Amino acid sequence: MATYFYPLSKLDTAVYRKYFMDNVFDTALEKINAAKVTAPIIYHKFTNMDEHRPVLDQLEKELQDKYNFPYKVNAFLILIHHIPQQIHIDAATGRDFRRYVSINLPLANYAGTRTVFFNPLPSYEYNFIKPEQVTFHSEFKAEDQWSMVNPDVPHHVVCDSHAAPRVSLALSFEENPTFEQIFKDIPGLEQILSVG
């Protein structure tokens, strides 16, 4: 069975969680509030990486040293989940730009939350998908660790047992590699990931 997520337990969490909560979260919240966005999930995308380049350089070096991961971060999102998301793929629409790989870190209020993946469909007319269109594939509970996920298959975040919104960080990368391409580009990656 295909795997749509891998834990990256070798990466530091405390340093990056502190940086993004102390230096990025308030800005994201201001932008979201100014836009008057209301949805089960609200987010702000950061595309100017220069301001955050020192910490991203550090993270990219860790990814390279520990996972042979060669790609540079070209954007990141701060996501705030209030209630379970609609099932979706990460795309402008099902037919336009799609994001194939995301490396994620839960930042706050993630206990009792999980990401559920569903089996892929032959094609996607839209990026939002009705529950009756998909069948369950797998899921993982949010923990104090990074994970690499495939957001190009139907998935959603479920908040089972908490009132406070879950806050998380999602990184995307130059070249927008697919899951399949990453495993071709990085020999032995599956073995490396099998031990976290």
N, C-alpha and C. Protein backbone atom coordinates (compact mmCIF):
# COMPACT_ATOMS: atom_id res chain seq x y z
N MET A 1 0.84 -1.19 0.00
CA MET A 1 0.00 0.00 0.00
C MET A 1 0.88 1.24 0.00
N ALA A 2 0.55 2.22 -0.81
CA ALA A 2 1.31 3.47 -0.87
C ALA A 2 1.26 4.18 0.47
N THR A 3 2.33 4.89 0.79
CA THR A 3 2.40 5.68 2.02
C THR A 3 2.35 7.15 1.67
N TYR A 4 1.52 7.90 2.36
CA TYR A 4 1.35 9.31 2.05
C TYR A 4 1.92 10.23 3.12
N PHE A 5 2.57 9.65 4.14
CA PHE A 5 3.19 10.48 5.17
C PHE A 5 4.36 9.72 5.79
N TYR A 6 5.36 10.47 6.19
CA TYR A 6 6.53 9.91 6.87
C TYR A 6 6.91 10.84 8.02
N PRO A 7 7.16 10.28 9.22
CA PRO A 7 7.69 11.12 10.30
C PRO A 7 9.14 11.47 10.02
N LEU A 8 9.52 12.68 10.40
CA LEU A 8 10.91 13.14 10.27
C LEU A 8 11.44 13.43 11.67
N SER A 9 11.60 12.37 12.44
CA SER A 9 11.89 12.53 13.87
C SER A 9 13.31 12.98 14.16
N LYS A 10 14.17 12.99 13.15
CA LYS A 10 15.55 13.45 13.36
C LYS A 10 15.67 14.97 13.37
N LEU A 11 14.63 15.68 12.93
CA LEU A 11 14.68 17.14 12.87
C LEU A 11 14.31 17.75 14.22
N ASP A 12 15.01 18.81 14.58
CA ASP A 12 14.69 19.54 15.81
C ASP A 12 13.29 20.13 15.70
N THR A 13 12.57 20.15 16.79
CA THR A 13 11.25 20.79 16.80
C THR A 13 11.24 22.05 17.65
N ALA A 14 11.90 22.03 18.80
CA ALA A 14 11.78 23.14 19.76
C ALA A 14 12.27 24.45 19.17
N VAL A 15 13.42 24.43 18.50
CA VAL A 15 14.00 25.66 17.94
C VAL A 15 13.07 26.26 16.90
N TYR A 16 12.56 25.42 16.00
CA TYR A 16 11.73 25.93 14.91
C TYR A 16 10.34 26.32 15.40
N ARG A 17 9.79 25.57 16.34
CA ARG A 17 8.49 25.94 16.88
C ARG A 17 8.57 27.31 17.55
N LYS A 18 9.61 27.53 18.33
CA LYS A 18 9.77 28.83 19.00
C LYS A 18 9.93 29.94 17.97
N TYR A 19 10.73 29.71 16.93
CA TYR A 19 10.95 30.76 15.93
C TYR A 19 9.65 31.14 15.25
N PHE A 20 8.91 30.17 14.77
CA PHE A 20 7.71 30.48 13.98
C PHE A 20 6.59 31.02 14.86
N MET A 21 6.48 30.57 16.09
CA MET A 21 5.46 31.13 16.97
C MET A 21 5.83 32.55 17.40
N ASP A 22 7.12 32.80 17.66
CA ASP A 22 7.55 34.11 18.15
C ASP A 22 7.65 35.15 17.04
N ASN A 23 7.99 34.72 15.82
CA ASN A 23 8.33 35.68 14.76
C ASN A 23 7.35 35.71 13.58
N VAL A 24 6.47 34.73 13.50
CA VAL A 24 5.63 34.61 12.31
C VAL A 24 4.15 34.55 12.64
N PHE A 25 3.79 33.89 13.72
CA PHE A 25 2.37 33.63 14.00
C PHE A 25 1.54 34.91 14.10
N ASP A 26 2.02 35.91 14.83
CA ASP A 26 1.24 37.14 15.00
C ASP A 26 1.00 37.83 13.67
N THR A 27 2.01 37.83 12.80
CA THR A 27 1.84 38.44 11.47
C THR A 27 0.78 37.69 10.68
N ALA A 28 0.83 36.36 10.72
CA ALA A 28 -0.17 35.57 10.02
C ALA A 28 -1.57 35.87 10.53
N LEU A 29 -1.70 35.97 11.84
CA LEU A 29 -3.02 36.23 12.43
C LEU A 29 -3.52 37.61 12.04
N GLU A 30 -2.65 38.60 12.02
CA GLU A 30 -3.04 39.95 11.60
C GLU A 30 -3.54 39.95 10.16
N LYS A 31 -2.82 39.25 9.27
CA LYS A 31 -3.21 39.19 7.86
C LYS A 31 -4.56 38.48 7.71
N ILE A 32 -4.74 37.40 8.45
CA ILE A 32 -5.99 36.64 8.38
C ILE A 32 -7.15 37.50 8.88
N ASN A 33 -6.95 38.17 10.01
CA ASN A 33 -8.01 39.02 10.58
C ASN A 33 -8.34 40.19 9.66
N ALA A 34 -7.31 40.77 9.05
CA ALA A 34 -7.54 41.90 8.13
C ALA A 34 -8.34 41.48 6.91
N ALA A 35 -8.12 40.24 6.47
CA ALA A 35 -8.84 39.73 5.31
C ALA A 35 -10.25 39.27 5.67
N LYS A 36 -10.55 39.22 6.98
CA LYS A 36 -11.88 38.79 7.47
C LYS A 36 -12.26 37.42 6.93
N VAL A 37 -11.28 36.51 6.99
CA VAL A 37 -11.50 35.15 6.50
C VAL A 37 -12.22 34.35 7.59
N THR A 38 -13.26 33.63 7.21
CA THR A 38 -13.93 32.70 8.12
C THR A 38 -14.11 31.38 7.39
N ALA A 39 -13.53 30.34 7.94
CA ALA A 39 -13.58 29.02 7.32
C ALA A 39 -13.15 28.00 8.35
N PRO A 40 -13.43 26.71 8.10
CA PRO A 40 -12.95 25.69 9.03
C PRO A 40 -11.43 25.73 9.21
N ILE A 41 -10.71 26.13 8.14
CA ILE A 41 -9.28 26.33 8.23
C ILE A 41 -8.97 27.70 7.63
N ILE A 42 -8.18 28.46 8.35
CA ILE A 42 -7.72 29.74 7.81
C ILE A 42 -6.20 29.70 7.80
N TYR A 43 -5.61 30.41 6.85
CA TYR A 43 -4.15 30.36 6.73
C TYR A 43 -3.62 31.62 6.08
N HIS A 44 -2.32 31.82 6.27
CA HIS A 44 -1.64 32.88 5.53
C HIS A 44 -0.37 32.28 4.92
N LYS A 45 -0.14 32.59 3.65
CA LYS A 45 1.02 32.07 2.94
C LYS A 45 2.11 33.14 2.90
N PHE A 46 3.32 32.76 3.28
CA PHE A 46 4.48 33.64 3.23
C PHE A 46 5.34 33.22 2.04
N THR A 47 5.62 34.16 1.14
CA THR A 47 6.41 33.84 -0.05
C THR A 47 7.74 34.59 -0.11
N ASN A 48 7.91 35.63 0.72
CA ASN A 48 9.19 36.33 0.78
C ASN A 48 10.07 35.63 1.80
N MET A 49 11.00 34.81 1.32
CA MET A 49 11.81 34.00 2.21
C MET A 49 13.03 34.73 2.74
N ASP A 50 13.35 35.90 2.18
CA ASP A 50 14.58 36.61 2.59
C ASP A 50 14.58 36.93 4.08
N GLU A 51 13.45 37.38 4.58
CA GLU A 51 13.35 37.77 5.99
C GLU A 51 13.63 36.59 6.92
N HIS A 52 13.30 35.39 6.46
CA HIS A 52 13.43 34.20 7.31
C HIS A 52 14.59 33.30 6.86
N ARG A 53 15.43 33.83 5.97
CA ARG A 53 16.46 33.00 5.36
C ARG A 53 17.41 32.35 6.38
N PRO A 54 17.87 33.06 7.45
CA PRO A 54 18.78 32.37 8.39
C PRO A 54 18.20 31.09 8.99
N VAL A 55 16.95 31.14 9.46
CA VAL A 55 16.38 29.94 10.07
C VAL A 55 16.06 28.89 9.01
N LEU A 56 15.67 29.33 7.80
CA LEU A 56 15.41 28.37 6.72
C LEU A 56 16.70 27.71 6.26
N ASP A 57 17.80 28.48 6.22
CA ASP A 57 19.10 27.88 5.89
C ASP A 57 19.46 26.79 6.89
N GLN A 58 19.21 27.07 8.15
CA GLN A 58 19.49 26.09 9.20
C GLN A 58 18.64 24.83 9.01
N LEU A 59 17.36 25.03 8.73
CA LEU A 59 16.46 23.90 8.53
C LEU A 59 16.83 23.11 7.27
N GLU A 60 17.12 23.81 6.18
CA GLU A 60 17.51 23.13 4.95
C GLU A 60 18.78 22.32 5.14
N LYS A 61 19.72 22.85 5.93
CA LYS A 61 20.95 22.10 6.22
C LYS A 61 20.64 20.84 7.01
N GLU A 62 19.73 20.95 7.98
CA GLU A 62 19.32 19.75 8.74
C GLU A 62 18.68 18.72 7.83
N LEU A 63 17.80 19.18 6.94
CA LEU A 63 17.15 18.26 6.00
C LEU A 63 18.18 17.58 5.09
N GLN A 64 19.18 18.36 4.66
CA GLN A 64 20.23 17.81 3.80
C GLN A 64 21.09 16.82 4.57
N ASP A 65 21.52 17.20 5.77
CA ASP A 65 22.42 16.35 6.55
C ASP A 65 21.77 15.05 7.01
N LYS A 66 20.49 15.13 7.38
CA LYS A 66 19.84 13.98 8.01
C LYS A 66 19.00 13.15 7.05
N TYR A 67 18.56 13.78 5.93
CA TYR A 67 17.69 13.06 4.99
C TYR A 67 18.14 13.19 3.54
N ASN A 68 19.29 13.81 3.30
CA ASN A 68 19.78 14.05 1.93
C ASN A 68 18.78 14.83 1.08
N PHE A 69 17.99 15.66 1.74
CA PHE A 69 16.90 16.38 1.07
C PHE A 69 17.48 17.63 0.41
N PRO A 70 17.46 17.74 -0.94
CA PRO A 70 18.20 18.79 -1.63
C PRO A 70 17.41 20.07 -1.95
N TYR A 71 16.13 20.11 -1.64
CA TYR A 71 15.28 21.20 -2.14
C TYR A 71 15.27 22.38 -1.18
N LYS A 72 15.14 23.58 -1.74
CA LYS A 72 15.08 24.80 -0.95
C LYS A 72 13.62 25.21 -0.72
N VAL A 73 13.34 25.73 0.46
CA VAL A 73 12.00 26.23 0.79
C VAL A 73 11.71 27.47 -0.05
N ASN A 74 10.55 27.48 -0.71
CA ASN A 74 10.17 28.68 -1.48
C ASN A 74 8.92 29.37 -0.93
N ALA A 75 8.27 28.74 0.06
CA ALA A 75 7.09 29.36 0.68
C ALA A 75 6.72 28.53 1.91
N PHE A 76 5.98 29.16 2.82
CA PHE A 76 5.41 28.39 3.92
C PHE A 76 4.08 29.00 4.32
N LEU A 77 3.26 28.16 4.93
CA LEU A 77 1.94 28.58 5.40
C LEU A 77 1.85 28.38 6.90
N ILE A 78 1.17 29.33 7.56
CA ILE A 78 0.70 29.13 8.93
C ILE A 78 -0.78 28.81 8.82
N LEU A 79 -1.17 27.63 9.30
CA LEU A 79 -2.56 27.17 9.18
C LEU A 79 -3.20 27.10 10.55
N ILE A 80 -4.45 27.53 10.63
CA ILE A 80 -5.20 27.51 11.89
C ILE A 80 -6.48 26.71 11.64
N HIS A 81 -6.59 25.56 12.28
CA HIS A 81 -7.74 24.67 12.11
C HIS A 81 -8.72 24.86 13.26
N HIS A 82 -9.93 25.25 12.95
CA HIS A 82 -10.96 25.44 13.98
C HIS A 82 -11.79 24.17 14.17
N ILE A 83 -12.22 23.58 13.09
CA ILE A 83 -13.05 22.38 13.09
C ILE A 83 -12.54 21.49 11.96
N PRO A 84 -13.03 20.25 11.82
CA PRO A 84 -12.52 19.40 10.74
C PRO A 84 -12.61 20.07 9.38
N GLN A 85 -11.55 19.91 8.62
CA GLN A 85 -11.52 20.44 7.26
C GLN A 85 -12.42 19.66 6.33
N GLN A 86 -12.78 20.30 5.23
CA GLN A 86 -13.36 19.57 4.11
C GLN A 86 -12.26 18.75 3.46
N ILE A 87 -12.60 17.59 2.95
CA ILE A 87 -11.62 16.76 2.24
C ILE A 87 -11.17 17.50 0.99
N HIS A 88 -9.85 17.49 0.74
CA HIS A 88 -9.33 18.28 -0.36
C HIS A 88 -7.97 17.76 -0.82
N ILE A 89 -7.53 18.25 -1.95
CA ILE A 89 -6.13 18.17 -2.33
C ILE A 89 -5.59 19.60 -2.32
N ASP A 90 -4.28 19.75 -2.14
CA ASP A 90 -3.69 21.09 -2.08
C ASP A 90 -3.52 21.61 -3.50
N ALA A 91 -4.45 22.43 -3.92
CA ALA A 91 -4.45 22.92 -5.29
C ALA A 91 -5.31 24.16 -5.38
N ALA A 92 -5.00 25.01 -6.38
CA ALA A 92 -5.87 26.15 -6.65
C ALA A 92 -7.22 25.65 -7.12
N THR A 93 -7.21 24.73 -8.06
CA THR A 93 -8.36 23.88 -8.38
C THR A 93 -7.77 22.53 -8.73
N GLY A 94 -8.61 21.56 -8.93
CA GLY A 94 -8.10 20.24 -9.27
C GLY A 94 -7.30 20.22 -10.56
N ARG A 95 -7.50 21.23 -11.40
CA ARG A 95 -6.85 21.19 -12.71
C ARG A 95 -5.70 22.17 -12.83
N ASP A 96 -5.56 23.06 -11.84
CA ASP A 96 -4.50 24.06 -11.92
C ASP A 96 -3.31 23.63 -11.05
N PHE A 97 -2.59 24.63 -10.53
CA PHE A 97 -1.40 24.33 -9.74
C PHE A 97 -1.72 23.40 -8.57
N ARG A 98 -0.88 22.39 -8.41
CA ARG A 98 -1.03 21.47 -7.29
C ARG A 98 0.28 21.37 -6.53
N ARG A 99 0.17 21.20 -5.21
CA ARG A 99 1.35 21.08 -4.35
C ARG A 99 1.52 19.61 -4.02
N TYR A 100 2.70 19.08 -4.33
CA TYR A 100 2.90 17.63 -4.27
C TYR A 100 3.58 17.14 -3.00
N VAL A 101 4.36 17.99 -2.36
CA VAL A 101 5.07 17.59 -1.15
C VAL A 101 4.99 18.73 -0.14
N SER A 102 4.72 18.40 1.10
CA SER A 102 4.73 19.39 2.17
C SER A 102 5.46 18.79 3.37
N ILE A 103 6.30 19.60 3.99
CA ILE A 103 6.91 19.19 5.26
C ILE A 103 6.30 20.06 6.33
N ASN A 104 5.69 19.40 7.32
CA ASN A 104 4.82 20.09 8.28
C ASN A 104 5.33 19.93 9.71
N LEU A 105 5.04 20.96 10.51
CA LEU A 105 5.33 20.90 11.94
C LEU A 105 4.13 21.45 12.70
N PRO A 106 3.51 20.66 13.59
CA PRO A 106 2.46 21.23 14.44
C PRO A 106 3.09 22.20 15.44
N LEU A 107 2.48 23.38 15.58
CA LEU A 107 3.05 24.42 16.43
C LEU A 107 2.35 24.56 17.77
N ALA A 108 1.04 24.42 17.80
CA ALA A 108 0.30 24.62 19.05
C ALA A 108 -1.04 23.90 18.97
N ASN A 109 -1.51 23.42 20.13
CA ASN A 109 -2.85 22.83 20.26
C ASN A 109 -3.07 21.65 19.31
N TYR A 110 -2.05 20.82 19.16
CA TYR A 110 -2.16 19.72 18.20
C TYR A 110 -2.52 18.39 18.85
N ALA A 111 -2.49 18.29 20.17
CA ALA A 111 -2.91 17.04 20.82
C ALA A 111 -4.36 16.76 20.47
N GLY A 112 -4.66 15.51 20.14
CA GLY A 112 -6.04 15.15 19.79
C GLY A 112 -6.42 15.53 18.38
N THR A 113 -5.42 15.78 17.52
CA THR A 113 -5.70 16.06 16.11
C THR A 113 -5.01 15.02 15.24
N ARG A 114 -5.53 14.82 14.05
CA ARG A 114 -4.96 13.82 13.15
C ARG A 114 -5.22 14.23 11.71
N THR A 115 -4.38 13.71 10.83
CA THR A 115 -4.57 13.90 9.40
C THR A 115 -5.03 12.59 8.80
N VAL A 116 -6.14 12.63 8.08
CA VAL A 116 -6.72 11.43 7.47
C VAL A 116 -6.51 11.51 5.97
N PHE A 117 -5.99 10.43 5.38
CA PHE A 117 -5.78 10.35 3.94
C PHE A 117 -6.78 9.37 3.34
N PHE A 118 -7.18 9.67 2.09
CA PHE A 118 -8.12 8.84 1.36
C PHE A 118 -7.47 8.37 0.06
N ASN A 119 -8.00 7.32 -0.51
CA ASN A 119 -7.44 6.80 -1.75
C ASN A 119 -7.63 7.80 -2.88
N PRO A 120 -6.62 7.93 -3.75
CA PRO A 120 -6.70 8.91 -4.84
C PRO A 120 -7.84 8.60 -5.80
N LEU A 121 -8.30 9.64 -6.47
CA LEU A 121 -9.29 9.50 -7.52
C LEU A 121 -8.60 9.59 -8.88
N PRO A 122 -9.22 9.08 -9.94
CA PRO A 122 -8.59 9.15 -11.27
C PRO A 122 -8.35 10.58 -11.74
N SER A 123 -9.24 11.50 -11.36
CA SER A 123 -9.07 12.90 -11.74
C SER A 123 -9.84 13.77 -10.75
N TYR A 124 -9.54 15.07 -10.77
CA TYR A 124 -10.15 15.99 -9.84
C TYR A 124 -10.71 17.18 -10.61
N GLU A 125 -12.02 17.35 -10.55
CA GLU A 125 -12.61 18.52 -11.19
C GLU A 125 -12.39 19.76 -10.34
N TYR A 126 -12.45 19.58 -9.02
CA TYR A 126 -12.20 20.66 -8.08
C TYR A 126 -11.26 20.14 -7.01
N ASN A 127 -10.69 21.06 -6.21
CA ASN A 127 -9.79 20.59 -5.16
C ASN A 127 -10.54 20.14 -3.91
N PHE A 128 -11.82 20.54 -3.74
CA PHE A 128 -12.62 20.02 -2.62
C PHE A 128 -13.41 18.80 -3.08
N ILE A 129 -13.51 17.81 -2.19
CA ILE A 129 -14.02 16.49 -2.56
C ILE A 129 -15.09 16.08 -1.55
N LYS A 130 -16.17 15.53 -2.04
CA LYS A 130 -17.25 15.08 -1.16
C LYS A 130 -16.87 13.76 -0.49
N PRO A 131 -17.26 13.57 0.78
CA PRO A 131 -16.90 12.34 1.48
C PRO A 131 -17.34 11.07 0.77
N GLU A 132 -18.49 11.13 0.10
CA GLU A 132 -18.99 9.92 -0.58
C GLU A 132 -18.17 9.56 -1.82
N GLN A 133 -17.27 10.46 -2.25
CA GLN A 133 -16.44 10.19 -3.42
C GLN A 133 -15.19 9.39 -3.10
N VAL A 134 -14.82 9.29 -1.81
CA VAL A 134 -13.52 8.72 -1.46
C VAL A 134 -13.66 7.58 -0.45
N THR A 135 -12.60 6.79 -0.36
CA THR A 135 -12.52 5.71 0.62
C THR A 135 -11.28 5.91 1.47
N PHE A 136 -11.37 5.51 2.72
CA PHE A 136 -10.29 5.70 3.69
C PHE A 136 -9.02 4.97 3.26
N HIS A 137 -7.88 5.62 3.46
CA HIS A 137 -6.59 5.00 3.20
C HIS A 137 -5.78 4.81 4.48
N SER A 138 -5.51 5.90 5.20
CA SER A 138 -4.67 5.83 6.40
C SER A 138 -4.78 7.15 7.15
N GLU A 139 -4.18 7.18 8.35
CA GLU A 139 -4.18 8.42 9.12
C GLU A 139 -3.00 8.42 10.07
N PHE A 140 -2.62 9.62 10.51
CA PHE A 140 -1.62 9.70 11.57
C PHE A 140 -1.98 10.82 12.53
N LYS A 141 -1.67 10.59 13.81
CA LYS A 141 -1.95 11.58 14.85
C LYS A 141 -0.80 12.58 14.92
N ALA A 142 -1.14 13.84 15.14
CA ALA A 142 -0.13 14.88 15.27
C ALA A 142 0.67 14.65 16.55
N GLU A 143 1.98 14.73 16.42
CA GLU A 143 2.88 14.58 17.56
C GLU A 143 3.92 15.69 17.50
N ASP A 144 4.81 15.69 18.49
CA ASP A 144 5.87 16.69 18.54
C ASP A 144 6.99 16.29 17.58
N GLN A 145 6.68 16.32 16.29
CA GLN A 145 7.69 16.02 15.29
C GLN A 145 7.25 16.52 13.92
N TRP A 146 8.24 16.72 13.07
CA TRP A 146 7.99 17.07 11.68
C TRP A 146 7.47 15.85 10.94
N SER A 147 6.78 16.09 9.83
CA SER A 147 6.37 14.99 8.95
C SER A 147 6.41 15.47 7.51
N MET A 148 6.69 14.55 6.61
CA MET A 148 6.60 14.82 5.18
C MET A 148 5.33 14.16 4.67
N VAL A 149 4.48 14.93 4.02
CA VAL A 149 3.19 14.40 3.59
C VAL A 149 2.98 14.66 2.11
N ASN A 150 2.11 13.87 1.54
CA ASN A 150 1.70 14.02 0.15
C ASN A 150 0.33 14.71 0.13
N PRO A 151 0.30 16.04 -0.11
CA PRO A 151 -0.98 16.75 -0.08
C PRO A 151 -1.73 16.67 -1.41
N ASP A 152 -1.21 15.87 -2.33
CA ASP A 152 -1.85 15.73 -3.65
C ASP A 152 -2.81 14.55 -3.69
N VAL A 153 -3.04 13.92 -2.55
CA VAL A 153 -4.10 12.92 -2.44
C VAL A 153 -5.17 13.47 -1.49
N PRO A 154 -6.41 13.04 -1.61
CA PRO A 154 -7.46 13.57 -0.73
C PRO A 154 -7.10 13.37 0.75
N HIS A 155 -7.28 14.42 1.53
CA HIS A 155 -6.94 14.37 2.95
C HIS A 155 -7.66 15.50 3.69
N HIS A 156 -7.68 15.40 4.99
CA HIS A 156 -8.14 16.52 5.82
C HIS A 156 -7.64 16.33 7.24
N VAL A 157 -7.61 17.45 7.98
CA VAL A 157 -7.24 17.44 9.39
C VAL A 157 -8.51 17.36 10.21
N VAL A 158 -8.49 16.48 11.20
CA VAL A 158 -9.63 16.29 12.10
C VAL A 158 -9.18 16.66 13.51
N CYS A 159 -9.94 17.49 14.18
CA CYS A 159 -9.66 17.89 15.56
C CYS A 159 -10.65 17.17 16.46
N ASP A 160 -10.18 16.14 17.15
CA ASP A 160 -11.08 15.25 17.87
C ASP A 160 -11.53 15.79 19.23
N SER A 161 -10.62 16.41 19.97
CA SER A 161 -10.93 16.58 21.39
C SER A 161 -10.36 17.86 21.98
N HIS A 162 -10.47 18.96 21.28
CA HIS A 162 -9.99 20.18 21.90
C HIS A 162 -10.77 21.38 21.36
N ALA A 163 -10.80 22.44 22.17
CA ALA A 163 -11.54 23.63 21.79
C ALA A 163 -10.66 24.67 21.10
N ALA A 164 -9.37 24.71 21.47
CA ALA A 164 -8.47 25.73 20.91
C ALA A 164 -8.07 25.35 19.49
N PRO A 165 -7.98 26.31 18.59
CA PRO A 165 -7.58 26.00 17.22
C PRO A 165 -6.17 25.41 17.15
N ARG A 166 -6.00 24.43 16.32
CA ARG A 166 -4.68 23.87 16.06
C ARG A 166 -3.91 24.81 15.13
N VAL A 167 -2.64 25.03 15.44
CA VAL A 167 -1.77 25.88 14.62
C VAL A 167 -0.65 25.01 14.07
N SER A 168 -0.40 25.12 12.77
CA SER A 168 0.67 24.32 12.20
C SER A 168 1.39 25.09 11.10
N LEU A 169 2.56 24.58 10.77
CA LEU A 169 3.42 25.16 9.74
C LEU A 169 3.54 24.16 8.61
N ALA A 170 3.45 24.63 7.37
CA ALA A 170 3.61 23.76 6.20
C ALA A 170 4.58 24.42 5.22
N LEU A 171 5.64 23.69 4.87
CA LEU A 171 6.65 24.19 3.95
C LEU A 171 6.42 23.63 2.55
N SER A 172 6.66 24.47 1.54
CA SER A 172 6.70 23.97 0.16
C SER A 172 8.05 24.32 -0.44
N PHE A 173 8.36 23.74 -1.61
CA PHE A 173 9.74 23.73 -2.08
C PHE A 173 9.86 24.12 -3.54
N GLU A 174 11.03 24.68 -3.87
CA GLU A 174 11.34 24.98 -5.26
C GLU A 174 11.24 23.71 -6.09
N GLU A 175 10.85 23.87 -7.33
CA GLU A 175 10.66 22.77 -8.29
C GLU A 175 9.39 21.98 -8.03
N ASN A 176 8.75 22.18 -6.85
CA ASN A 176 7.50 21.48 -6.54
C ASN A 176 7.59 19.99 -6.90
N PRO A 177 8.57 19.28 -6.31
CA PRO A 177 8.74 17.87 -6.68
C PRO A 177 7.56 17.02 -6.22
N THR A 178 7.29 15.97 -6.95
CA THR A 178 6.27 15.01 -6.53
C THR A 178 6.87 14.05 -5.51
N PHE A 179 6.03 13.33 -4.80
CA PHE A 179 6.51 12.30 -3.89
C PHE A 179 7.39 11.31 -4.64
N GLU A 180 6.93 10.90 -5.81
CA GLU A 180 7.68 9.91 -6.60
C GLU A 180 9.04 10.47 -7.00
N GLN A 181 9.09 11.76 -7.37
CA GLN A 181 10.35 12.36 -7.80
C GLN A 181 11.36 12.43 -6.66
N ILE A 182 10.88 12.73 -5.47
CA ILE A 182 11.78 12.79 -4.32
C ILE A 182 12.49 11.46 -4.10
N PHE A 183 11.74 10.37 -4.23
CA PHE A 183 12.35 9.06 -3.99
C PHE A 183 13.32 8.68 -5.11
N LYS A 184 13.11 9.24 -6.31
CA LYS A 184 14.07 9.03 -7.39
C LYS A 184 15.32 9.88 -7.19
N ASP A 185 15.12 11.11 -6.71
CA ASP A 185 16.23 12.06 -6.55
C ASP A 185 17.13 11.73 -5.37
N ILE A 186 16.58 11.06 -4.35
CA ILE A 186 17.34 10.80 -3.13
C ILE A 186 17.48 9.29 -2.95
N PRO A 187 18.59 8.71 -3.44
CA PRO A 187 18.78 7.26 -3.30
C PRO A 187 18.78 6.85 -1.83
N GLY A 188 18.08 5.76 -1.54
CA GLY A 188 18.04 5.24 -0.19
C GLY A 188 17.13 5.99 0.76
N LEU A 189 16.31 6.94 0.24
CA LEU A 189 15.47 7.74 1.13
C LEU A 189 14.47 6.88 1.89
N GLU A 190 13.90 5.90 1.22
CA GLU A 190 12.90 5.06 1.90
C GLU A 190 13.50 4.37 3.12
N GLN A 191 14.76 3.91 2.99
CA GLN A 191 15.42 3.26 4.12
C GLN A 191 15.69 4.27 5.23
N ILE A 192 16.12 5.49 4.84
CA ILE A 192 16.38 6.53 5.83
C ILE A 192 15.08 6.87 6.58
N LEU A 193 13.98 7.00 5.84
CA LEU A 193 12.71 7.37 6.46
C LEU A 193 12.13 6.26 7.33
N SER A 194 12.50 5.03 7.03
CA SER A 194 11.95 3.90 7.79
C SER A 194 12.39 3.94 9.25
N VAL A 195 13.47 4.68 9.53
CA VAL A 195 13.89 4.82 10.92
C VAL A 195 13.64 6.24 11.43
N GLY A 196 12.77 6.97 10.73
CA GLY A 196 12.36 8.30 11.17
C GLY A 196 13.20 9.39 10.56
